[in-house]
Amino acid sequence: MRILFAAALALAAALAAPCVSAQAITLPSAAFRGGNTDWKIKLSSQSETVIYELKVPESATRLGGPLKHVKAEPGQYQLLGVIGVEKSALTVKIAPVKLGETCKDNKGNIGGVYGPYTYAILVMPAPVKPATGSKHKPWPKLWYGCGNFTLD
């Protein structure tokens, strides 16, 4: 009887495993706020999509749009989307600050209004020549910053 029960339990676990791995990865909180002294980003979770709002010195207007989760290292997040009127590729990576280390902004600050920075963030736009009439300068290779997951 015990063997039959164990076999049934193992079969149930094997059938459930593909369902678990197919679930969408979500952010651990409603929002992520981060950036550096010269740029800011807000990521908002909405079901299986994340919406970004980005303010950078290279653009006269706020940028934004949806991002999709892609596979990342355990404990980290990687999101893909597009940026600008050219719709060039955009990659956003978020990783926790390693134990005993700090994330510092350009002024050397290790925290902000949400407390000490617990994550580092990289926002990497694909290189693109601005389209005629676009309201931005060429993108840098990356914007590096720090941030925190928040409830708002």
Protein backbone atom coordinates (compact mmCIF):
# COMPACT_ATOMS: atom_id res chain seq x y z
CA MET A 1 0.00 0.00 0.00
CA ARG A 2 2.84 2.37 0.90
CA ILE A 3 4.58 1.65 -2.39
CA LEU A 4 1.39 2.34 -4.34
CA PHE A 5 0.89 5.62 -2.45
CA ALA A 6 4.52 6.66 -3.06
CA ALA A 7 4.23 5.81 -6.75
CA ALA A 8 1.02 7.82 -7.07
CA LEU A 9 2.62 10.76 -5.27
CA ALA A 10 5.68 10.61 -7.55
CA LEU A 11 3.45 10.49 -10.65
CA ALA A 12 1.44 13.49 -9.44
CA ALA A 13 4.64 15.44 -8.80
CA ALA A 14 5.99 14.57 -12.24
CA LEU A 15 2.78 15.71 -13.93
CA ALA A 16 2.68 18.94 -11.92
CA ALA A 17 6.32 19.87 -12.60
CA PRO A 18 5.80 21.12 -16.19
CA CYS A 19 2.91 23.29 -14.99
CA VAL A 20 5.06 24.96 -12.35
CA SER A 21 7.93 25.75 -14.73
CA ALA A 22 5.54 27.18 -17.32
CA GLN A 23 4.15 29.79 -14.92
CA ALA A 24 5.02 33.39 -15.63
CA ILE A 25 7.74 34.99 -13.56
CA THR A 26 6.48 38.02 -11.70
CA LEU A 27 8.18 40.80 -9.80
CA PRO A 28 8.17 40.33 -6.02
CA SER A 29 6.30 43.61 -5.47
CA ALA A 30 3.86 45.93 -7.23
CA ALA A 31 6.62 48.23 -8.44
CA PHE A 32 10.35 48.78 -8.75
CA ARG A 33 11.79 52.27 -8.48
CA GLY A 34 15.37 53.00 -9.37
CA GLY A 35 17.85 54.91 -11.42
CA ASN A 36 20.75 57.17 -10.72
CA THR A 37 21.33 60.88 -10.14
CA ASP A 38 20.57 61.72 -13.79
CA TRP A 39 17.86 59.18 -14.74
CA LYS A 40 14.89 57.37 -13.19
CA ILE A 41 12.84 54.28 -13.93
CA LYS A 42 9.63 52.87 -12.53
CA LEU A 43 8.53 49.32 -13.31
CA SER A 44 4.92 48.40 -12.55
CA SER A 45 3.67 44.81 -12.53
CA GLN A 46 0.46 44.24 -14.44
CA SER A 47 -0.47 40.56 -14.72
CA GLU A 48 2.20 38.90 -16.89
CA THR A 49 3.51 42.20 -18.25
CA VAL A 50 5.65 44.88 -16.66
CA ILE A 51 5.18 48.52 -17.73
CA TYR A 52 8.21 50.80 -17.65
CA GLU A 53 8.34 54.57 -17.25
CA LEU A 54 11.79 55.99 -17.98
CA LYS A 55 13.16 59.52 -17.71
CA VAL A 56 16.65 59.95 -19.14
CA PRO A 57 18.70 63.04 -20.07
CA GLU A 58 18.88 61.92 -23.72
CA SER A 59 15.12 62.31 -24.20
CA ALA A 60 12.95 65.42 -23.96
CA THR A 61 9.93 63.25 -23.11
CA ARG A 62 9.24 60.37 -20.75
CA LEU A 63 9.59 56.98 -22.36
CA GLY A 64 7.56 53.91 -21.58
CA GLY A 65 5.97 50.71 -22.70
CA PRO A 66 5.52 47.04 -21.89
CA LEU A 67 8.30 44.65 -20.98
CA LYS A 68 8.22 40.86 -21.06
CA HIS A 69 10.00 38.57 -18.63
CA VAL A 70 12.72 36.33 -20.01
CA LYS A 71 14.86 33.73 -18.28
CA ALA A 72 17.40 35.13 -15.82
CA GLU A 73 19.75 33.84 -13.16
CA PRO A 74 18.00 32.76 -9.92
CA GLY A 75 17.08 35.82 -7.84
CA GLN A 76 17.51 38.16 -10.80
CA TYR A 77 15.07 39.60 -13.33
CA GLN A 78 15.51 40.23 -17.02
CA LEU A 79 12.92 42.07 -19.09
CA LEU A 80 12.76 42.87 -22.80
CA GLY A 81 10.87 45.57 -24.68
CA VAL A 82 11.39 48.46 -27.07
CA ILE A 83 12.34 52.11 -26.66
CA GLY A 84 11.81 55.27 -28.67
CA VAL A 85 9.95 55.94 -31.90
CA GLU A 86 12.49 53.68 -33.63
CA LYS A 87 11.26 50.78 -31.47
CA SER A 88 14.82 49.63 -30.83
CA ALA A 89 15.36 46.73 -28.44
CA LEU A 90 15.54 47.44 -24.71
CA THR A 91 16.87 45.08 -22.04
CA VAL A 92 16.35 45.70 -18.32
CA LYS A 93 18.28 43.60 -15.77
CA ILE A 94 17.73 43.73 -12.02
CA ALA A 95 19.99 41.89 -9.57
CA PRO A 96 20.13 41.91 -5.78
CA VAL A 97 23.04 43.65 -4.13
CA LYS A 98 25.46 40.98 -2.90
CA LEU A 99 25.64 40.39 0.84
CA GLY A 100 28.15 42.76 2.41
CA GLU A 101 28.23 45.05 -0.64
CA THR A 102 26.36 48.25 -1.48
CA CYS A 103 24.92 49.80 -4.61
CA LYS A 104 25.98 53.43 -4.95
CA ASP A 105 24.63 56.14 -7.20
CA ASN A 106 26.86 58.71 -8.93
CA LYS A 107 26.96 60.83 -5.76
CA GLY A 108 27.99 57.88 -3.60
CA ASN A 109 24.57 57.53 -1.94
CA ILE A 110 23.71 53.98 -0.83
CA GLY A 111 20.00 54.62 -0.34
CA GLY A 112 17.07 56.89 -1.06
CA VAL A 113 13.50 57.56 0.03
CA TYR A 114 12.76 53.79 0.10
CA GLY A 115 15.74 52.95 2.32
CA PRO A 116 19.08 51.37 1.44
CA TYR A 117 19.34 50.23 -2.17
CA THR A 118 18.80 46.49 -2.30
CA TYR A 119 19.07 46.02 -6.08
CA ALA A 120 21.27 47.13 -8.96
CA ILE A 121 19.59 47.87 -12.29
CA LEU A 122 20.98 47.98 -15.83
CA VAL A 123 18.90 49.46 -18.63
CA MET A 124 20.46 48.69 -22.01
CA PRO A 125 19.00 50.16 -25.22
CA ALA A 126 20.16 48.82 -28.56
CA PRO A 127 22.28 51.37 -30.42
CA VAL A 128 20.21 53.27 -32.94
CA LYS A 129 20.44 56.48 -34.92
CA PRO A 130 17.53 58.72 -33.82
CA ALA A 131 14.76 58.86 -36.41
CA THR A 132 14.02 62.15 -38.15
CA GLY A 133 11.79 64.18 -35.86
CA SER A 134 12.48 62.07 -32.76
CA LYS A 135 12.86 63.94 -29.51
CA HIS A 136 15.95 62.17 -28.23
CA LYS A 137 19.70 62.08 -28.62
CA PRO A 138 21.51 58.78 -29.34
CA TRP A 139 21.14 56.26 -26.51
CA PRO A 140 24.16 55.35 -24.38
CA LYS A 141 25.20 51.69 -24.19
CA LEU A 142 23.61 51.46 -20.76
CA TRP A 143 22.14 53.32 -17.83
CA TYR A 144 23.36 51.91 -14.51
CA GLY A 145 21.65 52.54 -11.22
CA CYS A 146 20.24 51.25 -7.97
CA GLY A 147 16.75 50.80 -6.60
CA ASN A 148 14.17 48.95 -4.55
CA PHE A 149 10.98 47.01 -4.99
CA THR A 150 8.12 49.07 -3.54
CA LEU A 151 4.40 48.79 -2.97
CA ASP A 152 3.48 51.89 -5.02
